[in-house]
Structure formats: C-alpha cells, structure tokens
Amino acid sequence: MSTHSYLPLIAQILRNPQALLKPPGGDIRSHIAVLGPRLIVITVVFASLFGMVVGSYRGGIQYLYAAIKMPLLFLVPVLVGLPAVRALFAAIGGDAPRERTALAALAGMARTAILAAACAPLLWLAYSVHIDYHHAILLMSACLLAVGLPGLVTLVHALPGGGQRRWLARTGTIAIMGVLLAQSGWVMRPFVVRPRAEVTLFRPIEANVFSSLRASYEASQGRYRGWTARRAGLLGRALEQEDAEHAQHQD
C-alpha cells in the first residue's frame, strides 16, 4: 500500500474520525478488515516517532526501547479495556457492537498517536536543553494527557447511543481507558531514563502511576519521601563516591 493512500486517511482521522465508522454498503466487518490494519500501522509509526523523542532524553539504546514500547502503550489499553466498555454500555441498556467499538477505539488511538508525533518537536526541544529528570517525566505525562483526551473523546463520541444513562457510560469509558493508559505506561516504564541510571527495557513495579507522578512532582520541587527519598539517597551516595574516586585519581 502506497504512502499516498495513507495521507487522506490521516487527514480524515484528524478532521472527522466519526466518518470512518460508516462502512460503505453497511458491511462493518469488511470495512474493519480493510481499515483496521491501516489504523494500526498509523498508530505504530507515529507512536514510535514520539517514543524516539522521549528516548532522546537519555539517548543510546533508549531510542530503540522507547520506540518499541510507545506503540504498545497506545494499543494495549484498547485490547484490555474494550470488553469492560462494552459491558458498561450493556449495563445501562445500550448497544455497543464489538466491531464498531473496536474500530472506534483504533481510530481514537490513531488520532492520539498522530497528535503525539505533532507534539514531539516541542518535547525534543525541551529535552535538548537538559531539563531535570523529574520535570522531563512531568512534561512527557502532560503531553500524553493533552493528546490522549482527544483520542478518548473520539472513542466516546463514536460509540453508539442507547439507554437512559448514556452519559454515565461515556464518563465511565473515559475513566476506564484513561486509567488503563496511565497504568500501562507505568508497567512498561522506563520511557524517560535517569542520566546515571542503568538502561533497561523494563523496571520492577513500584507503587503505581499516580503515586509516582506525585512523587516526581514533589521531587521536582526538592521534596523527597518514600521510595524517591531512598533512591535520592542512593544516588547522592553514588555521586559522592564518584567525586571521591575522581579526586583520588587527580592526586
């Protein structure tokens, strides 16, 4: 499939993604068989570009690690959360067919990935001036929040109506997908790697994404507590040891 065939689709995703859910001839299964793989390709390509920029904070092999994990960050919540979304709509008497819900979710994640890639130059500019590690995490999280909301809204608006409490199902959908996206990022971390930390594909799980973001914010203000205090203490001792070894070598 040529690159030119993707350009109109990308424009459609940004301008009117709901129109993608109207299959020509009414055959939703044939429509998703053609459109679904293209949406996945768009998500993977643009999310990988954003991931490479995130990985540029540390550089080296982290370029590759972040580029591999960022598409998973966008796609895994779709796979995990769709059954819960359909069950939520069914609970209020609505109807959310599997094919339409999946297509709406893929369109929303593709839109999120495109917007993330559009924000990548600003993030790269901030990382190129070597901002603090905790500020780097908060900035990346803010970018994901900013681009994730339009994707979630795309999913919610594309879902079929029905039921007297449709607003409750839509609010629940945003909550479910938002939490899954945030926690998936926490499980698949690191994306931003500390300048002196060892680069690994994954880290052991500590606490959760919300406590981590709070800890990063407090650490960016110079306040350390809990596991961040322990890590800061270890880092401080490592820096002192490195300075002592350097001084000894100079002597």
C-alpha atoms as a PDB file:
ATOM      1  CA  MET A   1       0.000   0.000   0.000  1.00  0.00           C
ATOM      2  CA  SER A   2       1.477   3.310  -1.053  1.00  0.00           C
ATOM      3  CA  THR A   3       2.223   6.226   1.220  1.00  0.00           C
ATOM      4  CA  HIS A   4      -0.235   8.402  -0.703  1.00  0.00           C
ATOM      5  CA  SER A   5      -3.121   6.139   0.293  1.00  0.00           C
ATOM      6  CA  TYR A   6      -2.412   6.896   3.956  1.00  0.00           C
ATOM      7  CA  LEU A   7      -2.417  10.681   3.648  1.00  0.00           C
ATOM      8  CA  PRO A   8      -6.191  11.069   3.068  1.00  0.00           C
ATOM      9  CA  LEU A   9      -6.828   8.626   5.923  1.00  0.00           C
ATOM     10  CA  ILE A  10      -4.615  10.634   8.294  1.00  0.00           C
ATOM     11  CA  ALA A  11      -6.448  13.803   7.320  1.00  0.00           C
ATOM     12  CA  GLN A  12      -9.769  12.061   7.930  1.00  0.00           C
ATOM     13  CA  ILE A  13      -8.640  10.860  11.361  1.00  0.00           C
ATOM     14  CA  LEU A  14      -7.771  14.393  12.396  1.00  0.00           C
ATOM     15  CA  ARG A  15     -10.763  16.171  10.868  1.00  0.00           C
ATOM     16  CA  ASN A  16     -13.689  13.783  11.216  1.00  0.00           C
ATOM     17  CA  PRO A  17     -12.824  10.366  12.679  1.00  0.00           C
ATOM     18  CA  GLN A  18     -16.513   9.530  13.229  1.00  0.00           C
ATOM     19  CA  ALA A  19     -16.951   9.324   9.456  1.00  0.00           C
ATOM     20  CA  LEU A  20     -14.609   6.328   9.416  1.00  0.00           C
ATOM     21  CA  LEU A  21     -17.219   4.319  11.297  1.00  0.00           C
ATOM     22  CA  LYS A  22     -19.722   4.490   8.441  1.00  0.00           C
ATOM     23  CA  PRO A  23     -18.927   1.472   6.268  1.00  0.00           C
ATOM     24  CA  PRO A  24     -19.735   1.754   2.558  1.00  0.00           C
ATOM     25  CA  GLY A  25     -22.575  -0.613   1.835  1.00  0.00           C
ATOM     26  CA  GLY A  26     -23.183  -1.167   5.555  1.00  0.00           C
ATOM     27  CA  ASP A  27     -20.779  -4.132   5.868  1.00  0.00           C
ATOM     28  CA  ILE A  28     -18.888  -3.269   9.068  1.00  0.00           C
ATOM     29  CA  ARG A  29     -16.845  -6.484   9.080  1.00  0.00           C
ATOM     30  CA  SER A  30     -15.399  -5.940   5.630  1.00  0.00           C
ATOM     31  CA  HIS A  31     -14.825  -2.296   6.485  1.00  0.00           C
ATOM     32  CA  ILE A  32     -12.836  -3.075   9.644  1.00  0.00           C
ATOM     33  CA  ALA A  33     -10.883  -5.791   7.795  1.00  0.00           C
ATOM     34  CA  VAL A  34      -9.607  -3.121   5.404  1.00  0.00           C
ATOM     35  CA  LEU A  35      -9.379  -0.113   7.707  1.00  0.00           C
ATOM     36  CA  GLY A  36      -8.240  -1.785  10.949  1.00  0.00           C
ATOM     37  CA  PRO A  37      -4.718  -2.792   9.808  1.00  0.00           C
ATOM     38  CA  ARG A  38      -4.150   0.684   8.356  1.00  0.00           C
ATOM     39  CA  LEU A  39      -5.131   2.324  11.640  1.00  0.00           C
ATOM     40  CA  ILE A  40      -2.743   0.022  13.495  1.00  0.00           C
ATOM     41  CA  VAL A  41       0.098   0.905  11.096  1.00  0.00           C
ATOM     42  CA  ILE A  42      -0.557   4.624  11.595  1.00  0.00           C
ATOM     43  CA  THR A  43      -0.611   4.181  15.379  1.00  0.00           C
ATOM     44  CA  VAL A  44       2.647   2.209  15.404  1.00  0.00           C
ATOM     45  CA  VAL A  45       4.536   4.600  13.107  1.00  0.00           C
ATOM     46  CA  PHE A  46       3.534   7.854  14.800  1.00  0.00           C
ATOM     47  CA  ALA A  47       3.770   6.434  18.325  1.00  0.00           C
ATOM     48  CA  SER A  48       7.272   5.142  17.538  1.00  0.00           C
ATOM     49  CA  LEU A  49       8.314   8.612  16.394  1.00  0.00           C
ATOM     50  CA  PHE A  50       7.060  10.058  19.663  1.00  0.00           C
ATOM     51  CA  GLY A  51       8.816   7.273  21.568  1.00  0.00           C
ATOM     52  CA  MET A  52      12.139   8.044  19.904  1.00  0.00           C
ATOM     53  CA  VAL A  53      11.864  11.656  21.027  1.00  0.00           C
ATOM     54  CA  VAL A  54      11.096  10.545  24.576  1.00  0.00           C
ATOM     55  CA  GLY A  55      14.090   8.207  24.436  1.00  0.00           C
ATOM     56  CA  SER A  56      16.307  11.097  23.326  1.00  0.00           C
ATOM     57  CA  TYR A  57      16.411  12.334  26.929  1.00  0.00           C
ATOM     58  CA  ARG A  58      18.891   9.536  27.665  1.00  0.00           C
ATOM     59  CA  GLY A  59      19.916   8.528  24.147  1.00  0.00           C
ATOM     60  CA  GLY A  60      21.722   5.376  23.090  1.00  0.00           C
ATOM     61  CA  ILE A  61      19.724   2.160  23.164  1.00  0.00           C
ATOM     62  CA  GLN A  62      16.846   4.004  24.841  1.00  0.00           C
ATOM     63  CA  TYR A  63      15.910   5.393  21.423  1.00  0.00           C
ATOM     64  CA  LEU A  64      15.036   1.848  20.367  1.00  0.00           C
ATOM     65  CA  TYR A  65      13.453   0.788  23.666  1.00  0.00           C
ATOM     66  CA  ALA A  66      11.118   3.767  23.830  1.00  0.00           C
ATOM     67  CA  ALA A  67      10.211   3.476  20.135  1.00  0.00           C
ATOM     68  CA  ILE A  68       9.219  -0.165  20.658  1.00  0.00           C
ATOM     69  CA  LYS A  69       7.231   0.382  23.846  1.00  0.00           C
ATOM     70  CA  MET A  70       5.320   3.535  22.921  1.00  0.00           C
ATOM     71  CA  PRO A  71       3.034   1.826  20.349  1.00  0.00           C
ATOM     72  CA  LEU A  72       2.278  -0.838  22.960  1.00  0.00           C
ATOM     73  CA  LEU A  73       1.355   1.929  25.381  1.00  0.00           C
ATOM     74  CA  PHE A  74      -1.311   3.123  22.953  1.00  0.00           C
ATOM     75  CA  LEU A  75      -2.625  -0.276  21.803  1.00  0.00           C
ATOM     76  CA  VAL A  76      -2.621  -2.413  24.964  1.00  0.00           C
ATOM     77  CA  PRO A  77      -5.318  -0.347  26.758  1.00  0.00           C
ATOM     78  CA  VAL A  78      -7.558  -0.823  23.705  1.00  0.00           C
ATOM     79  CA  LEU A  79      -7.242  -4.612  23.881  1.00  0.00           C
ATOM     80  CA  VAL A  80      -7.725  -4.737  27.640  1.00  0.00           C
ATOM     81  CA  GLY A  81     -10.403  -2.082  28.041  1.00  0.00           C
ATOM     82  CA  LEU A  82     -12.862  -2.779  25.219  1.00  0.00           C
ATOM     83  CA  PRO A  83     -14.647  -5.697  26.940  1.00  0.00           C
ATOM     84  CA  ALA A  84     -15.197  -3.512  30.010  1.00  0.00           C
ATOM     85  CA  VAL A  85     -16.519  -0.667  27.843  1.00  0.00           C
ATOM     86  CA  ARG A  86     -18.991  -2.959  26.088  1.00  0.00           C
ATOM     87  CA  ALA A  87     -20.118  -4.385  29.409  1.00  0.00           C
ATOM     88  CA  LEU A  88     -20.649  -0.870  30.742  1.00  0.00           C
ATOM     89  CA  PHE A  89     -22.876   0.075  27.819  1.00  0.00           C
ATOM     90  CA  ALA A  90     -24.785  -3.189  28.140  1.00  0.00           C
ATOM     91  CA  ALA A  91     -25.401  -2.457  31.837  1.00  0.00           C
ATOM     92  CA  ILE A  92     -27.309   0.732  31.003  1.00  0.00           C
ATOM     93  CA  GLY A  93     -29.313  -0.861  28.229  1.00  0.00           C
ATOM     94  CA  GLY A  94     -27.173   0.442  25.379  1.00  0.00           C
ATOM     95  CA  ASP A  95     -25.744  -1.419  22.433  1.00  0.00           C
ATOM     96  CA  ALA A  96     -22.017  -1.365  21.621  1.00  0.00           C
ATOM     97  CA  PRO A  97     -21.292  -3.939  18.893  1.00  0.00           C
ATOM     98  CA  ARG A  98     -17.845  -5.483  19.030  1.00  0.00           C
ATOM     99  CA  GLU A  99     -16.765  -4.443  15.534  1.00  0.00           C
ATOM    100  CA  ARG A 100     -17.910  -0.836  15.841  1.00  0.00           C
ATOM    101  CA  THR A 101     -16.379  -0.455  19.295  1.00  0.00           C
ATOM    102  CA  ALA A 102     -13.045  -1.873  18.129  1.00  0.00           C
ATOM    103  CA  LEU A 103     -12.980   0.397  15.092  1.00  0.00           C
ATOM    104  CA  ALA A 104     -13.820   3.443  17.224  1.00  0.00           C
ATOM    105  CA  ALA A 105     -11.021   2.577  19.653  1.00  0.00           C
ATOM    106  CA  LEU A 106      -8.475   2.114  16.856  1.00  0.00           C
ATOM    107  CA  ALA A 107      -9.469   5.439  15.313  1.00  0.00           C
ATOM    108  CA  GLY A 108      -9.106   7.139  18.687  1.00  0.00           C
ATOM    109  CA  MET A 109      -5.674   5.653  19.329  1.00  0.00           C
ATOM    110  CA  ALA A 110      -4.521   6.530  15.802  1.00  0.00           C
ATOM    111  CA  ARG A 111      -5.584  10.113  16.406  1.00  0.00           C
ATOM    112  CA  THR A 112      -3.716  10.109  19.722  1.00  0.00           C
ATOM    113  CA  ALA A 113      -0.550   8.810  18.064  1.00  0.00           C
ATOM    114  CA  ILE A 114      -0.681  11.431  15.299  1.00  0.00           C
ATOM    115  CA  LEU A 115      -1.151  14.242  17.813  1.00  0.00           C
ATOM    116  CA  ALA A 116       1.673  12.844  19.950  1.00  0.00           C
ATOM    117  CA  ALA A 117       4.017  12.930  16.970  1.00  0.00           C
ATOM    118  CA  ALA A 118       2.939  16.525  16.341  1.00  0.00           C
ATOM    119  CA  CYS A 119       3.953  17.405  19.923  1.00  0.00           C
ATOM    120  CA  ALA A 120       7.276  15.592  19.597  1.00  0.00           C
ATOM    121  CA  PRO A 121       9.315  18.592  18.322  1.00  0.00           C
ATOM    122  CA  LEU A 122       8.357  20.656  21.381  1.00  0.00           C
ATOM    123  CA  LEU A 123       9.274  17.783  23.676  1.00  0.00           C
ATOM    124  CA  TRP A 124      12.585  17.266  21.877  1.00  0.00           C
ATOM    125  CA  LEU A 125      13.373  20.967  22.228  1.00  0.00           C
ATOM    126  CA  ALA A 126      12.745  20.806  25.979  1.00  0.00           C
ATOM    127  CA  TYR A 127      14.868  17.663  26.361  1.00  0.00           C
ATOM    128  CA  SER A 128      17.693  19.142  24.305  1.00  0.00           C
ATOM    129  CA  VAL A 129      18.324  21.788  26.989  1.00  0.00           C
ATOM    130  CA  HIS A 130      18.827  19.012  29.596  1.00  0.00           C
ATOM    131  CA  ILE A 131      15.945  19.729  31.960  1.00  0.00           C
ATOM    132  CA  ASP A 132      15.711  17.933  35.295  1.00  0.00           C
ATOM    133  CA  TYR A 133      14.701  14.257  35.199  1.00  0.00           C
ATOM    134  CA  HIS A 134      11.508  14.771  37.207  1.00  0.00           C
ATOM    135  CA  HIS A 135      10.495  17.729  35.071  1.00  0.00           C
ATOM    136  CA  ALA A 136      11.133  15.560  31.995  1.00  0.00           C
ATOM    137  CA  ILE A 137       8.705  12.924  33.290  1.00  0.00           C
ATOM    138  CA  LEU A 138       6.049  15.510  34.123  1.00  0.00           C
ATOM    139  CA  LEU A 139       6.416  17.099  30.697  1.00  0.00           C
ATOM    140  CA  MET A 140       6.038  13.770  28.917  1.00  0.00           C
ATOM    141  CA  SER A 141       2.993  12.948  31.054  1.00  0.00           C
ATOM    142  CA  ALA A 142       1.462  16.331  30.261  1.00  0.00           C
ATOM    143  CA  CYS A 143       1.957  15.708  26.538  1.00  0.00           C
ATOM    144  CA  LEU A 144       0.321  12.284  26.768  1.00  0.00           C
ATOM    145  CA  LEU A 145      -2.584  13.769  28.699  1.00  0.00           C
ATOM    146  CA  ALA A 146      -3.043  16.545  26.162  1.00  0.00           C
ATOM    147  CA  VAL A 147      -3.051  14.186  23.168  1.00  0.00           C
ATOM    148  CA  GLY A 148      -4.877  11.364  24.935  1.00  0.00           C
ATOM    149  CA  LEU A 149      -8.022  13.330  25.719  1.00  0.00           C
ATOM    150  CA  PRO A 150      -8.931  13.948  22.037  1.00  0.00           C
ATOM    151  CA  GLY A 151      -8.440  10.247  21.372  1.00  0.00           C
ATOM    152  CA  LEU A 152     -10.719   9.279  24.244  1.00  0.00           C
ATOM    153  CA  VAL A 153     -13.323  11.805  23.133  1.00  0.00           C
ATOM    154  CA  THR A 154     -13.154  10.294  19.643  1.00  0.00           C
ATOM    155  CA  LEU A 155     -13.871   6.874  21.099  1.00  0.00           C
ATOM    156  CA  VAL A 156     -16.732   8.108  23.258  1.00  0.00           C
ATOM    157  CA  HIS A 157     -18.452  10.086  20.500  1.00  0.00           C
ATOM    158  CA  ALA A 158     -18.098   7.185  18.081  1.00  0.00           C
ATOM    159  CA  LEU A 159     -19.787   4.715  20.409  1.00  0.00           C
ATOM    160  CA  PRO A 160     -23.467   4.130  19.663  1.00  0.00           C
ATOM    161  CA  GLY A 161     -26.094   5.639  21.922  1.00  0.00           C
ATOM    162  CA  GLY A 162     -28.893   3.958  23.793  1.00  0.00           C
ATOM    163  CA  GLY A 163     -30.048   3.749  27.355  1.00  0.00           C
ATOM    164  CA  GLN A 164     -31.244   6.454  29.697  1.00  0.00           C
ATOM    165  CA  ARG A 165     -27.840   6.832  31.372  1.00  0.00           C
ATOM    166  CA  ARG A 166     -25.667   7.138  28.298  1.00  0.00           C
ATOM    167  CA  TRP A 167     -23.673   9.958  29.904  1.00  0.00           C
ATOM    168  CA  LEU A 168     -22.700   7.590  32.720  1.00  0.00           C
ATOM    169  CA  ALA A 169     -21.396   5.001  30.273  1.00  0.00           C
ATOM    170  CA  ARG A 170     -19.424   7.632  28.373  1.00  0.00           C
ATOM    171  CA  THR A 171     -17.887   9.027  31.543  1.00  0.00           C
ATOM    172  CA  GLY A 172     -17.033   5.508  32.655  1.00  0.00           C
ATOM    173  CA  THR A 173     -15.419   4.802  29.281  1.00  0.00           C
ATOM    174  CA  ILE A 174     -13.127   7.814  29.625  1.00  0.00           C
ATOM    175  CA  ALA A 175     -12.214   6.757  33.183  1.00  0.00           C
ATOM    176  CA  ILE A 176     -11.514   3.137  32.222  1.00  0.00           C
ATOM    177  CA  MET A 177      -9.392   3.924  29.177  1.00  0.00           C
ATOM    178  CA  GLY A 178      -7.597   6.793  30.910  1.00  0.00           C
ATOM    179  CA  VAL A 179      -6.589   4.683  33.905  1.00  0.00           C
ATOM    180  CA  LEU A 180      -5.542   1.792  31.678  1.00  0.00           C
ATOM    181  CA  LEU A 181      -3.406   4.095  29.541  1.00  0.00           C
ATOM    182  CA  ALA A 182      -1.732   5.625  32.589  1.00  0.00           C
ATOM    183  CA  GLN A 183      -1.094   2.319  34.370  1.00  0.00           C
ATOM    184  CA  SER A 184       0.131   0.646  31.169  1.00  0.00           C
ATOM    185  CA  GLY A 185       2.739   3.369  30.868  1.00  0.00           C
ATOM    186  CA  TRP A 186       3.798   2.710  34.450  1.00  0.00           C
ATOM    187  CA  VAL A 187       4.096  -1.052  33.884  1.00  0.00           C
ATOM    188  CA  MET A 188       6.122  -0.576  30.670  1.00  0.00           C
ATOM    189  CA  ARG A 189       8.452   2.081  32.047  1.00  0.00           C
ATOM    190  CA  PRO A 190      11.101   3.420  31.770  1.00  0.00           C
ATOM    191  CA  PHE A 191      10.468   5.772  28.873  1.00  0.00           C
ATOM    192  CA  VAL A 192      12.499   8.634  30.351  1.00  0.00           C
ATOM    193  CA  VAL A 193      15.680   7.252  31.931  1.00  0.00           C
ATOM    194  CA  ARG A 194      17.715   8.979  34.630  1.00  0.00           C
ATOM    195  CA  PRO A 195      21.043  10.280  33.318  1.00  0.00           C
ATOM    196  CA  ARG A 196      23.079   7.992  35.603  1.00  0.00           C
ATOM    197  CA  ALA A 197      20.689   5.029  35.835  1.00  0.00           C
ATOM    198  CA  GLU A 198      21.185   1.737  34.043  1.00  0.00           C
ATOM    199  CA  VAL A 199      19.160   1.498  30.832  1.00  0.00           C
ATOM    200  CA  THR A 200      16.769  -1.469  30.934  1.00  0.00           C
ATOM    201  CA  LEU A 201      13.787  -2.498  28.827  1.00  0.00           C
ATOM    202  CA  PHE A 202      11.512  -2.760  31.897  1.00  0.00           C
ATOM    203  CA  ARG A 203      11.785  -1.965  35.590  1.00  0.00           C
ATOM    204  CA  PRO A 204      10.348  -3.740  38.640  1.00  0.00           C
ATOM    205  CA  ILE A 205       6.939  -2.384  39.618  1.00  0.00           C
ATOM    206  CA  GLU A 206       6.982   0.135  42.469  1.00  0.00           C
ATOM    207  CA  ALA A 207       3.759   1.664  43.803  1.00  0.00           C
ATOM    208  CA  ASN A 208       1.554   2.878  40.898  1.00  0.00           C
ATOM    209  CA  VAL A 209       1.446   5.586  38.261  1.00  0.00           C
ATOM    210  CA  PHE A 210      -0.453   8.124  40.348  1.00  0.00           C
ATOM    211  CA  SER A 211       1.826   7.909  43.386  1.00  0.00           C
ATOM    212  CA  SER A 212       4.810   8.032  41.024  1.00  0.00           C
ATOM    213  CA  LEU A 213       3.610  11.232  39.336  1.00  0.00           C
ATOM    214  CA  ARG A 214       3.000  12.802  42.726  1.00  0.00           C
ATOM    215  CA  ALA A 215       6.465  11.742  43.869  1.00  0.00           C
ATOM    216  CA  SER A 216       8.019  13.130  40.675  1.00  0.00           C
ATOM    217  CA  TYR A 217       6.242  16.441  41.184  1.00  0.00           C
ATOM    218  CA  GLU A 218       7.398  16.682  44.805  1.00  0.00           C
ATOM    219  CA  ALA A 219      10.926  15.661  43.829  1.00  0.00           C
ATOM    220  CA  SER A 220      10.956  18.370  41.155  1.00  0.00           C
ATOM    221  CA  GLN A 221      10.245  20.799  43.993  1.00  0.00           C
ATOM    222  CA  GLY A 222      13.095  19.355  46.074  1.00  0.00           C
ATOM    223  CA  ARG A 223      10.859  17.297  48.395  1.00  0.00           C
ATOM    224  CA  TYR A 224      11.676  13.592  48.632  1.00  0.00           C
ATOM    225  CA  ARG A 225       9.743  10.956  50.533  1.00  0.00           C
ATOM    226  CA  GLY A 226       9.189   7.194  50.443  1.00  0.00           C
ATOM    227  CA  TRP A 227      10.933   5.302  47.658  1.00  0.00           C
ATOM    228  CA  THR A 228      12.002   8.528  45.963  1.00  0.00           C
ATOM    229  CA  ALA A 229      13.825   9.526  49.127  1.00  0.00           C
ATOM    230  CA  ARG A 230      15.580   6.177  49.229  1.00  0.00           C
ATOM    231  CA  ARG A 231      16.508   6.439  45.577  1.00  0.00           C
ATOM    232  CA  ALA A 232      17.690  10.014  46.009  1.00  0.00           C
ATOM    233  CA  GLY A 233      19.831   8.906  48.959  1.00  0.00           C
ATOM    234  CA  LEU A 234      21.407   6.125  46.940  1.00  0.00           C
ATOM    235  CA  LEU A 235      22.035   8.491  44.068  1.00  0.00           C
ATOM    236  CA  GLY A 236      23.589  11.044  46.394  1.00  0.00           C
ATOM    237  CA  ARG A 237      25.967   8.454  47.861  1.00  0.00           C
ATOM    238  CA  ALA A 238      26.890   7.273  44.363  1.00  0.00           C
ATOM    239  CA  LEU A 239      27.707  10.815  43.294  1.00  0.00           C
ATOM    240  CA  GLU A 240      29.805  11.377  46.416  1.00  0.00           C
ATOM    241  CA  GLN A 241      31.707   8.154  45.767  1.00  0.00           C
ATOM    242  CA  GLU A 242      32.277   9.125  42.147  1.00  0.00           C
ATOM    243  CA  ASP A 243      33.612  12.543  43.183  1.00  0.00           C
ATOM    244  CA  ALA A 244      35.912  10.945  45.764  1.00  0.00           C
ATOM    245  CA  GLU A 245      37.311   8.486  43.216  1.00  0.00           C
ATOM    246  CA  HIS A 246      37.853  11.325  40.767  1.00  0.00           C
ATOM    247  CA  ALA A 247      39.688  13.393  43.394  1.00  0.00           C
ATOM    248  CA  GLN A 248      41.853  10.401  44.319  1.00  0.00           C
ATOM    249  CA  HIS A 249      42.730   9.875  40.695  1.00  0.00           C
ATOM    250  CA  GLN A 250      43.748  13.519  40.375  1.00  0.00           C
ATOM    251  CA  ASP A 251      46.039  13.156  43.406  1.00  0.00           C
END
